[in-house]
Every structure is written in structure tokens, then in C-alpha cells.
Amino acid sequence: MSALSAWFWNERFWLPQNVTWADLADTESGEQFPRAGHLLYAFPTALGIFAFRLLFERFIAKPCALQLGLQGSGPRLAQPNAILEKVFISITKCPDGKHLEGLSKQLDWDARKIQRWFRQRRNQDKPSLVTKFSESMWRFLFYLYIFSYGVWFLWTTPWFWDTRQCWYNYPYQPLTLGIYYYYIQELAFYWSLVFSQFTDIKRKDFLIMFVHHLATVGLISFSYVNNMVRVGTLVLCLHDASDFLLEAAKMTNYAKYQRLCDALFMIFGLMFVTTRLVIFPTWILNTTLIESWELIGPYPSWWLFNGLLLILQVLHVIWSYLIIRIAYKSLTKGKVGTGKCHPLPALKDERSDIESSSEEEDTTLNGTKSVHNTSSNGANRVNGHASNGQWSEE
């Protein structure tokens, strides 16, 4: 273990040339530098955040959702049937024509009734709008808080106005309480997301988001250990700038405030593209690649850090393309805010938060799919709003 620890914490990888871990020990004047052990405090903080979230969703978010008229109960429960339940659990949740024909003969039910049972059975596992609203309200609150805290803290720092300050006298830059609290709060929140993902609303991108949260935790921890915390705070604040807008758009979507939802979505898209495709490369990548090269020069962990940031920029381009495509289609169709089409449920943002329709397509006897909607106006519904086939495909 001693040999493994020595290999992992190799100074030639983590630190610039001629710098050792002993050089970053606490000074007699009381100055401290980031240490890996500091990150352990994020775990009890994450548990505290998770506990606070449970209380917030139950005693604040849920009453707000009910006050807005959201349904507290989930979809209608399917009629108890042991045979269909066994098929649903062990064989298929979407029976094809062959299964429908066999079940129809066995139960003496017509195919449409069996399709309806399977649709209701699938829907009853989905969370209610109150649950979705509560989750989005919690995320909105935290993202708004942490972004406000980041702006308030960075406003008085020299590196916010001159990014070259991130590298002057590096790595001999003392750790301040403001930086420490900022990092621990961000790290604890993402650890709480790792924990809560197993109890949150289950989505198709569970594994992708699990890896995403772990990668975020890794990048935050990495920048802390090698004392790139000044530029790290800039990266954190920049990425928090648009998250609360997306959660606000989801909340208004669940509450069926169509026009407000569309407006918030457009503002979110503009903020996301501006921060990720304009400010991030010209502000962050410029200082990590060019200014740091001039002031401290490259070394192994420098290459890794910048490599991760470049990968992140590639993801920014992909996500921005998806957002722009959805916004462009909604604008060219002239349907933003009209109730004819709603872009938000189709959005694949960095959270990949695609909400399922409460009414799914029925499977006909020949194996093809056709829509049989049971709503009063005959239109397909997504999260309480009408959606056409093009958005469903998107």
C-alpha cells in the first residue's frame, strides 16, 4: 500500500518541476494549501444536503405543487391480473402481436383491452407530477443558491477580473475559506446526486448520468488536489449559470404555464450556448492553455487537466447543437407558446432529462404501432402539454 500510495502521489505527475509536497505544507504563519484529506469532509456534507432535500421536498416543494393544482397521485392503477402481471414482469412490458393473440385466447379478452392493461401497468410505475415538480424545485433552489454564492464570492477576487492571476506564484497560492467552502459545497452536492440517483425518478440515461456525476466529482477533486482551485472556481460558476433556468422551465412545464415555460427554455438555451460556446473557450480554455503555458509551463497533470476541459468542450458543442435544433424547429413551426408543440420534454441537455409521455403508443396485432389516445381532445400529451409526432421523434 505504501508503494501504491507513493506511485499515485508522484510529485513529478501532480506538481510543476522542482516542486514537492513538502513545499506545500502548512506554514508557520497559518497559511494552508489544498490537501486530499480536505475532500473527505464532502461526504458528511453530502449526507446533510440529502437529508435537507428530503425535508424540503416533503414540507415545502410538495405543498407548493399541490397549491398549483398538480396531481398528487400517479396514473390510474391497472386492474389486478396474475397472468398479465407475470407476463409483464418476466416476459415483456410491450407485448407484440403473437403475445396479444395468446393472451386474448387465454383470458377471453380482446387485444385492445390487453393493450390498455399493459399501458396502464407501465404508467403506474411512473412518478406523479408532484414528485417531478418537487425534484426540479429542489435542484432549482440549489443551483440558484450555488450560482449566486459563486458570483458573490468571485466578484471580489482578482482572478475573476484577470485570469492570469490564476497562475501567478502557482502552486504557492494559499487556500482561503471562500474557496474551500465553495469547493466542498459543489463536491458534496454532486456526491449527493450520486447517492440520490438510486432513489430519484428512474430515467433511461441512468448509467450515463451516473458516469457523468462521477466524472464531475473526479474533475473537482483533481483540480483541488493540485491547487488549480482558482481557475476551478471559474469553471464551476460558469457551468452553474444556466442549470437553474432549465429546472425553472421544467417546473413551469409541470405546472402547465406554457408561455412562461417556452420563454424560460429560450432564455436557458441562449445562456447555455453563450456560456459554453463563447465564454468557456475564450475565458477558461484561453487561460488554462495559453496563459498558464506562458507563466508556469506544462507538466503531466497540466496536460490531463486541459485534456479533460477539451473533452468537456466537445460535449458543450454536442449539447448546444441539440438545444439549438429543438429551439429552431419550434420557432420555424411558429408553435412556441401556442400549446401545439412543446420543446422541453424533447430536450437532451447535460442532465439528459427526458420525461416520458403518460400515454404511450399501443401495439397492434400486426406488430406495428399506432397512437390510441384516451384524452378528451384526442391529442397526444407530454407532461400535460400537447405534442406532435415530430417532437416525439425528436
Foldseek 3Di string as FASTA:
>chain_A
DVVVVCVVVPCQQLHFPPDDVVNQPQDPVGFHAFALVLLVVLAVVLVVLLVVLVVCLVPPLLVVCVVLPFDQAFFDAADDDPVLVCCCPPPHLADALVVLVVVCVVVVHHSVSSLVRSLRNVRNPFHGLSQVLSVLVSQLVVLVVLLVLLCVVCVPPPCVVPVLVLAVVPPNDTDDPSLSVSLSSVLSNLVNCLVCLVVGGDDPCSVVVNVVSVVVNVLSSSCRNSRSSVLVSVVVSLVSPQSSLLSVLSNCLLSVPQQVSLVSLVVSLVSLCCSLVPCCCVPRVCCLPPSNCVRRNDGNSSVVSSVVSVVVSVLSVVLSVQSVVLNVVCVVVVNRSVLAAHSSLLRCHPNGDHADFSADWHHDSVRDTDRDDPDPVRAGDRSRTGHDPVSVVD
